[in-house]
Amino acid sequence: LELRRLKCDLVTIYKIMHNIIDISVCDFFSLSDVVSTRGNSLKIVKPLCKVNLRQHSFACRSIDCWNSLPDSTVTASSVGRFKILLNTFDFSKFLLLVI
């Protein structure tokens, strides 16, 4: 269930970042302006979360996972392709319960 929630969050972030959902990116996220040679080019800055409620909200809980996705996954040509590439990613370090 936790893995399914994480994947759904990542698909929602993908849709927001690629303007598939009619929501402004600035409403939920702050994009990083640091250009790096590793990782993806659409990095999101994680806000300071002092309260558990904020830390476990949609806008915070999956940012670390999004930032660790490879560039080829983040810049996939379609939502279907993004979902296929997500299935090849190892989510074990982002899950609380690892079986």
Protein backbone atom coordinates (compact mmCIF):
# COMPACT_ATOMS: atom_id res chain seq x y z
CA LEU A 1 0.00 0.00 0.00
CA GLU A 2 2.85 2.36 0.84
CA LEU A 3 4.60 1.64 -2.47
CA ARG A 4 1.38 2.22 -4.38
CA ARG A 5 0.86 5.57 -2.62
CA LEU A 6 4.43 6.64 -3.42
CA LYS A 7 4.05 5.72 -7.10
CA CYS A 8 0.73 7.60 -7.31
CA ASP A 9 2.39 10.65 -5.73
CA LEU A 10 5.21 10.49 -8.27
CA VAL A 11 2.76 10.19 -11.17
CA THR A 12 0.88 13.22 -9.81
CA ILE A 13 4.14 15.20 -9.55
CA TYR A 14 4.97 14.19 -13.13
CA LYS A 15 1.57 15.44 -14.30
CA ILE A 16 2.00 18.74 -12.44
CA MET A 17 5.55 19.28 -13.74
CA HIS A 18 4.52 18.59 -17.34
CA ASN A 19 1.30 20.68 -17.18
CA ILE A 20 -1.00 17.70 -17.71
CA ILE A 21 -2.98 18.69 -14.61
CA ASP A 22 -4.18 22.28 -14.63
CA ILE A 23 -2.32 23.28 -11.45
CA SER A 24 0.53 25.74 -11.26
CA VAL A 25 3.84 24.19 -10.25
CA CYS A 26 4.40 27.12 -7.89
CA ASP A 27 1.28 26.20 -5.89
CA PHE A 28 2.97 23.06 -4.54
CA PHE A 29 6.69 23.14 -5.26
CA SER A 30 9.75 25.33 -5.56
CA LEU A 31 12.00 24.28 -8.40
CA SER A 32 15.72 24.15 -7.82
CA ASP A 33 17.83 26.49 -9.92
CA VAL A 34 21.01 24.49 -9.30
CA VAL A 35 22.24 22.80 -12.45
CA SER A 36 23.95 19.51 -11.72
CA THR A 37 25.40 16.80 -13.87
CA ARG A 38 23.73 13.98 -11.91
CA GLY A 39 20.13 13.11 -11.29
CA ASN A 40 17.20 14.73 -12.98
CA SER A 41 16.95 18.22 -14.38
CA LEU A 42 13.58 18.96 -12.74
CA LYS A 43 14.66 18.93 -9.11
CA ILE A 44 12.31 20.23 -6.43
CA VAL A 45 13.46 22.06 -3.31
CA LYS A 46 12.15 20.39 -0.17
CA PRO A 47 10.57 22.95 2.17
CA LEU A 48 11.41 23.09 5.85
CA CYS A 49 8.95 20.81 7.65
CA LYS A 50 8.87 21.36 11.40
CA VAL A 51 5.43 19.88 11.94
CA ASN A 52 4.58 16.22 11.24
CA LEU A 53 1.41 17.23 9.45
CA ARG A 54 3.42 19.22 6.91
CA GLN A 55 6.13 16.56 6.67
CA HIS A 56 3.64 13.89 5.64
CA SER A 57 1.68 16.08 3.23
CA PHE A 58 1.71 15.47 -0.52
CA ALA A 59 3.99 18.42 -1.23
CA CYS A 60 6.74 17.06 1.06
CA ARG A 61 6.56 13.29 1.40
CA SER A 62 7.70 12.29 -2.08
CA ILE A 63 10.16 15.04 -3.00
CA ASP A 64 13.25 13.05 -1.99
CA CYS A 65 12.16 10.16 -4.16
CA TRP A 66 11.35 12.47 -7.11
CA ASN A 67 14.78 14.11 -6.88
CA SER A 68 16.52 10.72 -6.93
CA LEU A 69 14.80 9.54 -10.13
CA PRO A 70 17.02 9.44 -13.22
CA ASP A 71 16.63 12.16 -15.84
CA SER A 72 15.36 9.69 -18.41
CA THR A 73 12.45 8.79 -16.14
CA VAL A 74 11.52 12.37 -15.18
CA THR A 75 11.56 13.54 -18.80
CA ALA A 76 9.57 10.59 -20.14
CA SER A 77 7.49 11.36 -23.21
CA SER A 78 4.16 10.26 -21.73
CA VAL A 79 2.52 9.27 -18.47
CA GLY A 80 2.40 5.64 -19.60
CA ARG A 81 6.11 5.62 -20.34
CA PHE A 82 6.79 7.28 -16.97
CA LYS A 83 4.83 4.53 -15.19
CA ILE A 84 6.78 1.83 -17.03
CA LEU A 85 10.09 3.45 -16.07
CA LEU A 86 8.94 3.76 -12.43
CA ASN A 87 8.60 -0.01 -12.25
CA THR A 88 12.33 -0.38 -12.91
CA PHE A 89 13.33 1.95 -10.04
CA ASP A 90 14.28 0.59 -6.58
CA PHE A 91 12.09 2.27 -3.96
CA SER A 92 13.38 0.30 -0.96
CA LYS A 93 15.14 3.22 0.72
CA PHE A 94 12.02 5.41 0.49
CA LEU A 95 9.64 2.96 2.13
CA LEU A 96 9.14 2.83 5.89
CA LEU A 97 8.36 -0.88 5.94
CA VAL A 98 10.71 -2.97 3.85
CA ILE A 99 9.69 -6.60 3.53
